[in-house]
């Protein structure tokens, strides 16, 4: 994120079960600059909710059912799910 003069957008967040237990909600709304990436969104969540930082670090970001890279630019109103990696074989 660069300048505070940038237009801010709202992004909807869906949290995994561990983070839901800690915060008491499975959804958040985060305001970030319009040029922000998934990584920027994660940092904003950590800043506002430090109690879930350790759990957030191990999650996989998913947008519209597709896992995305941390450098994926987010869009206004988009939902990002931060999900736990699935175990299995």
Foldseek 3Di string as FASTA:
>chain_A
DDDPPADKAKEKEAEEPVVCVVVVHRIDIFIDGQQAFQLVRLVRCCVVPVVCNVVQVQWFWDWPRHTDDRRHGDHHHTYIYTHHDDDDD
